[in-house]
Amino acid sequence: MCKKYGDEQFKGTELSHKLLRQVYEQFEREYSSVLCKDIKEKTNHECSKVVGKGARWTAEVLLKQFTDFK
C-alpha cells in the first residue's frame, strides 16, 4: 500500500470521525437534519438527488483531505 495512505494513518478513528462530521454538517446545513424521514419531507421524496449530493459532499471531503483539491 502507498505510504501516504498506509494503514498507519488509520489506526485510530479520529480522522474518520472528523471527515464524517464534515459530511454530517453539510446535510444539516442543506436539509436542517440528517434523518431520512425529515429530508424526504423537505425534498418531496427526491431521494436520488439527495444521494447524489451526499456522494458529491463525501468525495469533496475526501479529496480535500488527501489531495490538493480546492
PDB file of N, CA and C in Angstrom:
ATOM      1  N   MET A   1       0.844  -1.179   0.000  1.00  0.00           N
ATOM      2  CA  MET A   1       0.000   0.000   0.000  1.00  0.00           C
ATOM      3  C   MET A   1       0.890   1.244   0.000  1.00  0.00           C
ATOM      4  N   CYS A   2       0.475   2.271  -0.638  1.00  0.00           N
ATOM      5  CA  CYS A   2       1.200   3.529  -0.724  1.00  0.00           C
ATOM      6  C   CYS A   2       1.454   4.096   0.676  1.00  0.00           C
ATOM      7  N   LYS A   3       2.669   4.568   0.933  1.00  0.00           N
ATOM      8  CA  LYS A   3       2.999   5.116   2.250  1.00  0.00           C
ATOM      9  C   LYS A   3       2.049   6.218   2.684  1.00  0.00           C
ATOM     10  N   LYS A   4       1.717   7.109   1.760  1.00  0.00           N
ATOM     11  CA  LYS A   4       0.864   8.244   2.100  1.00  0.00           C
ATOM     12  C   LYS A   4      -0.481   7.789   2.657  1.00  0.00           C
ATOM     13  N   TYR A   5      -0.993   6.693   2.147  1.00  0.00           N
ATOM     14  CA  TYR A   5      -2.306   6.206   2.550  1.00  0.00           C
ATOM     15  C   TYR A   5      -2.224   4.881   3.297  1.00  0.00           C
ATOM     16  N   GLY A   6      -1.071   4.577   3.851  1.00  0.00           N
ATOM     17  CA  GLY A   6      -0.884   3.308   4.544  1.00  0.00           C
ATOM     18  C   GLY A   6      -1.713   3.208   5.809  1.00  0.00           C
ATOM     19  N   ASP A   7      -1.768   2.002   6.333  1.00  0.00           N
ATOM     20  CA  ASP A   7      -2.635   1.751   7.488  1.00  0.00           C
ATOM     21  C   ASP A   7      -2.194   2.511   8.736  1.00  0.00           C
ATOM     22  N   GLU A   8      -0.931   2.969   8.804  1.00  0.00           N
ATOM     23  CA  GLU A   8      -0.518   3.711   9.985  1.00  0.00           C
ATOM     24  C   GLU A   8      -1.331   4.984  10.165  1.00  0.00           C
ATOM     25  N   GLN A   9      -1.867   5.526   9.107  1.00  0.00           N
ATOM     26  CA  GLN A   9      -2.675   6.744   9.175  1.00  0.00           C
ATOM     27  C   GLN A   9      -4.077   6.462   9.717  1.00  0.00           C
ATOM     28  N   PHE A  10      -4.522   5.222   9.659  1.00  0.00           N
ATOM     29  CA  PHE A  10      -5.900   4.892  10.006  1.00  0.00           C
ATOM     30  C   PHE A  10      -6.017   3.993  11.226  1.00  0.00           C
ATOM     31  N   LYS A  11      -5.025   3.972  12.086  1.00  0.00           N
ATOM     32  CA  LYS A  11      -5.097   3.109  13.268  1.00  0.00           C
ATOM     33  C   LYS A  11      -6.184   3.554  14.227  1.00  0.00           C
ATOM     34  N   GLY A  12      -6.413   4.841  14.350  1.00  0.00           N
ATOM     35  CA  GLY A  12      -7.469   5.350  15.216  1.00  0.00           C
ATOM     36  C   GLY A  12      -8.672   5.752  14.394  1.00  0.00           C
ATOM     37  N   THR A  13      -9.673   6.234  15.069  1.00  0.00           N
ATOM     38  CA  THR A  13     -10.898   6.637  14.371  1.00  0.00           C
ATOM     39  C   THR A  13     -11.048   8.154  14.307  1.00  0.00           C
ATOM     40  N   GLU A  14     -10.080   8.880  14.830  1.00  0.00           N
ATOM     41  CA  GLU A  14     -10.192  10.336  14.882  1.00  0.00           C
ATOM     42  C   GLU A  14     -10.375  10.950  13.492  1.00  0.00           C
ATOM     43  N   LEU A  15      -9.581  10.532  12.526  1.00  0.00           N
ATOM     44  CA  LEU A  15      -9.686  11.093  11.185  1.00  0.00           C
ATOM     45  C   LEU A  15     -11.030  10.764  10.545  1.00  0.00           C
ATOM     46  N   SER A  16     -11.459   9.516  10.649  1.00  0.00           N
ATOM     47  CA  SER A  16     -12.741   9.143  10.035  1.00  0.00           C
ATOM     48  C   SER A  16     -13.893   9.908  10.671  1.00  0.00           C
ATOM     49  N   HIS A  17     -13.837  10.106  11.975  1.00  0.00           N
ATOM     50  CA  HIS A  17     -14.890  10.878  12.651  1.00  0.00           C
ATOM     51  C   HIS A  17     -14.878  12.335  12.201  1.00  0.00           C
ATOM     52  N   LYS A  18     -13.699  12.899  12.026  1.00  0.00           N
ATOM     53  CA  LYS A  18     -13.575  14.277  11.555  1.00  0.00           C
ATOM     54  C   LYS A  18     -14.183  14.432  10.156  1.00  0.00           C
ATOM     55  N   LEU A  19     -13.874  13.496   9.268  1.00  0.00           N
ATOM     56  CA  LEU A  19     -14.375  13.572   7.893  1.00  0.00           C
ATOM     57  C   LEU A  19     -15.880  13.326   7.843  1.00  0.00           C
ATOM     58  N   LEU A  20     -16.343  12.369   8.611  1.00  0.00           N
ATOM     59  CA  LEU A  20     -17.775  12.084   8.667  1.00  0.00           C
ATOM     60  C   LEU A  20     -18.543  13.279   9.203  1.00  0.00           C
ATOM     61  N   ARG A  21     -17.979  13.960  10.190  1.00  0.00           N
ATOM     62  CA  ARG A  21     -18.617  15.141  10.772  1.00  0.00           C
ATOM     63  C   ARG A  21     -18.807  16.228   9.715  1.00  0.00           C
ATOM     64  N   GLN A  22     -17.857  16.359   8.808  1.00  0.00           N
ATOM     65  CA  GLN A  22     -17.975  17.367   7.752  1.00  0.00           C
ATOM     66  C   GLN A  22     -19.164  17.082   6.832  1.00  0.00           C
ATOM     67  N   VAL A  23     -19.347  15.829   6.478  1.00  0.00           N
ATOM     68  CA  VAL A  23     -20.485  15.454   5.626  1.00  0.00           C
ATOM     69  C   VAL A  23     -21.787  15.623   6.410  1.00  0.00           C
ATOM     70  N   TYR A  24     -21.784  15.199   7.651  1.00  0.00           N
ATOM     71  CA  TYR A  24     -22.945  15.337   8.540  1.00  0.00           C
ATOM     72  C   TYR A  24     -23.379  16.807   8.622  1.00  0.00           C
ATOM     73  N   GLU A  25     -22.418  17.694   8.822  1.00  0.00           N
ATOM     74  CA  GLU A  25     -22.736  19.120   8.929  1.00  0.00           C
ATOM     75  C   GLU A  25     -23.271  19.695   7.619  1.00  0.00           C
ATOM     76  N   GLN A  26     -22.816  19.175   6.500  1.00  0.00           N
ATOM     77  CA  GLN A  26     -23.341  19.629   5.210  1.00  0.00           C
ATOM     78  C   GLN A  26     -24.815  19.239   5.071  1.00  0.00           C
ATOM     79  N   PHE A  27     -25.153  18.025   5.497  1.00  0.00           N
ATOM     80  CA  PHE A  27     -26.560  17.613   5.480  1.00  0.00           C
ATOM     81  C   PHE A  27     -27.393  18.515   6.385  1.00  0.00           C
ATOM     82  N   GLU A  28     -26.878  18.841   7.558  1.00  0.00           N
ATOM     83  CA  GLU A  28     -27.608  19.725   8.464  1.00  0.00           C
ATOM     84  C   GLU A  28     -27.801  21.114   7.856  1.00  0.00           C
ATOM     85  N   ARG A  29     -26.763  21.647   7.185  1.00  0.00           N
ATOM     86  CA  ARG A  29     -26.887  22.971   6.553  1.00  0.00           C
ATOM     87  C   ARG A  29     -27.916  22.951   5.423  1.00  0.00           C
ATOM     88  N   GLU A  30     -27.861  21.907   4.629  1.00  0.00           N
ATOM     89  CA  GLU A  30     -28.724  21.827   3.446  1.00  0.00           C
ATOM     90  C   GLU A  30     -30.167  21.476   3.802  1.00  0.00           C
ATOM     91  N   TYR A  31     -30.352  20.531   4.727  1.00  0.00           N
ATOM     92  CA  TYR A  31     -31.682  19.993   5.000  1.00  0.00           C
ATOM     93  C   TYR A  31     -32.160  20.201   6.433  1.00  0.00           C
ATOM     94  N   SER A  32     -31.361  20.807   7.267  1.00  0.00           N
ATOM     95  CA  SER A  32     -31.671  21.011   8.689  1.00  0.00           C
ATOM     96  C   SER A  32     -31.875  19.699   9.433  1.00  0.00           C
ATOM     97  N   SER A  33     -31.360  18.616   8.898  1.00  0.00           N
ATOM     98  CA  SER A  33     -31.491  17.304   9.522  1.00  0.00           C
ATOM     99  C   SER A  33     -30.594  16.315   8.797  1.00  0.00           C
ATOM    100  N   VAL A  34     -30.317  15.207   9.465  1.00  0.00           N
ATOM    101  CA  VAL A  34     -29.617  14.098   8.817  1.00  0.00           C
ATOM    102  C   VAL A  34     -30.526  12.868   8.743  1.00  0.00           C
ATOM    103  N   LEU A  35     -31.749  13.004   9.219  1.00  0.00           N
ATOM    104  CA  LEU A  35     -32.688  11.885   9.245  1.00  0.00           C
ATOM    105  C   LEU A  35     -33.421  11.763   7.916  1.00  0.00           C
ATOM    106  N   CYS A  36     -33.463  10.554   7.399  1.00  0.00           N
ATOM    107  CA  CYS A  36     -34.092  10.292   6.104  1.00  0.00           C
ATOM    108  C   CYS A  36     -35.525  10.814   6.058  1.00  0.00           C
ATOM    109  N   LYS A  37     -36.307  10.543   7.085  1.00  0.00           N
ATOM    110  CA  LYS A  37     -37.718  10.958   7.064  1.00  0.00           C
ATOM    111  C   LYS A  37     -37.857  12.472   6.947  1.00  0.00           C
ATOM    112  N   ASP A  38     -36.984  13.213   7.614  1.00  0.00           N
ATOM    113  CA  ASP A  38     -37.028  14.676   7.542  1.00  0.00           C
ATOM    114  C   ASP A  38     -36.592  15.176   6.171  1.00  0.00           C
ATOM    115  N   ILE A  39     -35.530  14.581   5.659  1.00  0.00           N
ATOM    116  CA  ILE A  39     -35.006  15.001   4.356  1.00  0.00           C
ATOM    117  C   ILE A  39     -36.017  14.687   3.256  1.00  0.00           C
ATOM    118  N   LYS A  40     -36.649  13.528   3.339  1.00  0.00           N
ATOM    119  CA  LYS A  40     -37.652  13.166   2.327  1.00  0.00           C
ATOM    120  C   LYS A  40     -38.795  14.170   2.299  1.00  0.00           C
ATOM    121  N   GLU A  41     -39.220  14.622   3.456  1.00  0.00           N
ATOM    122  CA  GLU A  41     -40.295  15.621   3.512  1.00  0.00           C
ATOM    123  C   GLU A  41     -39.863  16.933   2.855  1.00  0.00           C
ATOM    124  N   LYS A  42     -38.638  17.353   3.102  1.00  0.00           N
ATOM    125  CA  LYS A  42     -38.142  18.627   2.580  1.00  0.00           C
ATOM    126  C   LYS A  42     -37.877  18.572   1.071  1.00  0.00           C
ATOM    127  N   THR A  43     -37.663  17.370   0.534  1.00  0.00           N
ATOM    128  CA  THR A  43     -37.280  17.239  -0.874  1.00  0.00           C
ATOM    129  C   THR A  43     -38.349  16.563  -1.726  1.00  0.00           C
ATOM    130  N   ASN A  44     -39.542  16.407  -1.191  1.00  0.00           N
ATOM    131  CA  ASN A  44     -40.615  15.723  -1.929  1.00  0.00           C
ATOM    132  C   ASN A  44     -40.186  14.340  -2.411  1.00  0.00           C
ATOM    133  N   HIS A  45     -39.467  13.629  -1.559  1.00  0.00           N
ATOM    134  CA  HIS A  45     -39.042  12.255  -1.820  1.00  0.00           C
ATOM    135  C   HIS A  45     -38.114  12.132  -3.026  1.00  0.00           C
ATOM    136  N   GLU A  46     -37.340  13.154  -3.317  1.00  0.00           N
ATOM    137  CA  GLU A  46     -36.361  13.098  -4.417  1.00  0.00           C
ATOM    138  C   GLU A  46     -35.050  12.505  -3.902  1.00  0.00           C
ATOM    139  N   CYS A  47     -35.127  11.249  -3.523  1.00  0.00           N
ATOM    140  CA  CYS A  47     -34.007  10.586  -2.864  1.00  0.00           C
ATOM    141  C   CYS A  47     -32.761  10.514  -3.743  1.00  0.00           C
ATOM    142  N   SER A  48     -32.918  10.310  -5.048  1.00  0.00           N
ATOM    143  CA  SER A  48     -31.742  10.188  -5.908  1.00  0.00           C
ATOM    144  C   SER A  48     -30.927  11.479  -5.918  1.00  0.00           C
ATOM    145  N   LYS A  49     -31.582  12.629  -5.863  1.00  0.00           N
ATOM    146  CA  LYS A  49     -30.852  13.900  -5.812  1.00  0.00           C
ATOM    147  C   LYS A  49     -30.112  14.044  -4.495  1.00  0.00           C
ATOM    148  N   VAL A  50     -30.737  13.632  -3.403  1.00  0.00           N
ATOM    149  CA  VAL A  50     -30.111  13.712  -2.083  1.00  0.00           C
ATOM    150  C   VAL A  50     -28.893  12.788  -2.028  1.00  0.00           C
ATOM    151  N   VAL A  51     -29.040  11.582  -2.528  1.00  0.00           N
ATOM    152  CA  VAL A  51     -27.929  10.629  -2.534  1.00  0.00           C
ATOM    153  C   VAL A  51     -26.783  11.177  -3.390  1.00  0.00           C
ATOM    154  N   GLY A  52     -27.119  11.776  -4.515  1.00  0.00           N
ATOM    155  CA  GLY A  52     -26.095  12.377  -5.372  1.00  0.00           C
ATOM    156  C   GLY A  52     -25.332  13.477  -4.652  1.00  0.00           C
ATOM    157  N   LYS A  53     -26.061  14.344  -3.960  1.00  0.00           N
ATOM    158  CA  LYS A  53     -25.407  15.408  -3.200  1.00  0.00           C
ATOM    159  C   LYS A  53     -24.525  14.824  -2.097  1.00  0.00           C
ATOM    160  N   GLY A  54     -25.033  13.821  -1.406  1.00  0.00           N
ATOM    161  CA  GLY A  54     -24.246  13.183  -0.349  1.00  0.00           C
ATOM    162  C   GLY A  54     -22.966  12.569  -0.888  1.00  0.00           C
ATOM    163  N   ALA A  55     -23.059  11.940  -2.048  1.00  0.00           N
ATOM    164  CA  ALA A  55     -21.874  11.350  -2.677  1.00  0.00           C
ATOM    165  C   ALA A  55     -20.879  12.439  -3.067  1.00  0.00           C
ATOM    166  N   ARG A  56     -21.382  13.542  -3.619  1.00  0.00           N
ATOM    167  CA  ARG A  56     -20.506  14.649  -4.003  1.00  0.00           C
ATOM    168  C   ARG A  56     -19.816  15.250  -2.782  1.00  0.00           C
ATOM    169  N   TRP A  57     -20.587  15.479  -1.703  1.00  0.00           N
ATOM    170  CA  TRP A  57     -20.010  16.050  -0.479  1.00  0.00           C
ATOM    171  C   TRP A  57     -18.943  15.125   0.098  1.00  0.00           C
ATOM    172  N   THR A  58     -19.215  13.830   0.079  1.00  0.00           N
ATOM    173  CA  THR A  58     -18.251  12.860   0.589  1.00  0.00           C
ATOM    174  C   THR A  58     -16.981  12.874  -0.251  1.00  0.00           C
ATOM    175  N   ALA A  59     -17.131  12.881  -1.564  1.00  0.00           N
ATOM    176  CA  ALA A  59     -15.966  12.925  -2.454  1.00  0.00           C
ATOM    177  C   ALA A  59     -15.158  14.193  -2.214  1.00  0.00           C
ATOM    178  N   GLU A  60     -15.831  15.323  -2.057  1.00  0.00           N
ATOM    179  CA  GLU A  60     -15.127  16.588  -1.823  1.00  0.00           C
ATOM    180  C   GLU A  60     -14.348  16.548  -0.504  1.00  0.00           C
ATOM    181  N   VAL A  61     -14.952  16.018   0.543  1.00  0.00           N
ATOM    182  CA  VAL A  61     -14.278  15.917   1.839  1.00  0.00           C
ATOM    183  C   VAL A  61     -13.026  15.050   1.711  1.00  0.00           C
ATOM    184  N   LEU A  62     -13.153  13.916   1.036  1.00  0.00           N
ATOM    185  CA  LEU A  62     -12.010  13.018   0.873  1.00  0.00           C
ATOM    186  C   LEU A  62     -10.925  13.640   0.003  1.00  0.00           C
ATOM    187  N   LEU A  63     -11.325  14.283  -1.086  1.00  0.00           N
ATOM    188  CA  LEU A  63     -10.337  14.925  -1.960  1.00  0.00           C
ATOM    189  C   LEU A  63      -9.606  16.061  -1.249  1.00  0.00           C
ATOM    190  N   LYS A  64     -10.323  16.833  -0.464  1.00  0.00           N
ATOM    191  CA  LYS A  64      -9.685  17.919   0.288  1.00  0.00           C
ATOM    192  C   LYS A  64      -8.695  17.360   1.305  1.00  0.00           C
ATOM    193  N   GLN A  65      -9.034  16.238   1.908  1.00  0.00           N
ATOM    194  CA  GLN A  65      -8.167  15.646   2.930  1.00  0.00           C
ATOM    195  C   GLN A  65      -6.907  15.027   2.325  1.00  0.00           C
ATOM    196  N   PHE A  66      -7.055  14.339   1.186  1.00  0.00           N
ATOM    197  CA  PHE A  66      -5.959  13.527   0.682  1.00  0.00           C
ATOM    198  C   PHE A  66      -5.291  14.053  -0.593  1.00  0.00           C
ATOM    199  N   THR A  67      -5.772  15.180  -1.127  1.00  0.00           N
ATOM    200  CA  THR A  67      -5.168  15.746  -2.329  1.00  0.00           C
ATOM    201  C   THR A  67      -5.107  17.263  -2.167  1.00  0.00           C
ATOM    202  N   ASP A  68      -4.741  17.917  -3.232  1.00  0.00           N
ATOM    203  CA  ASP A  68      -4.697  19.387  -3.240  1.00  0.00           C
ATOM    204  C   ASP A  68      -6.004  19.986  -3.752  1.00  0.00           C
ATOM    205  N   PHE A  69      -7.094  19.217  -3.707  1.00  0.00           N
ATOM    206  CA  PHE A  69      -8.397  19.659  -4.199  1.00  0.00           C
ATOM    207  C   PHE A  69      -8.843  20.919  -3.446  1.00  0.00           C
ATOM    208  N   LYS A  70      -9.322  21.894  -4.180  1.00  0.00           N
ATOM    209  CA  LYS A  70      -9.810  23.133  -3.566  1.00  0.00           C
ATOM    210  C   LYS A  70     -11.295  23.291  -3.837  1.00  0.00           C
TER     211      LYS A  70
END
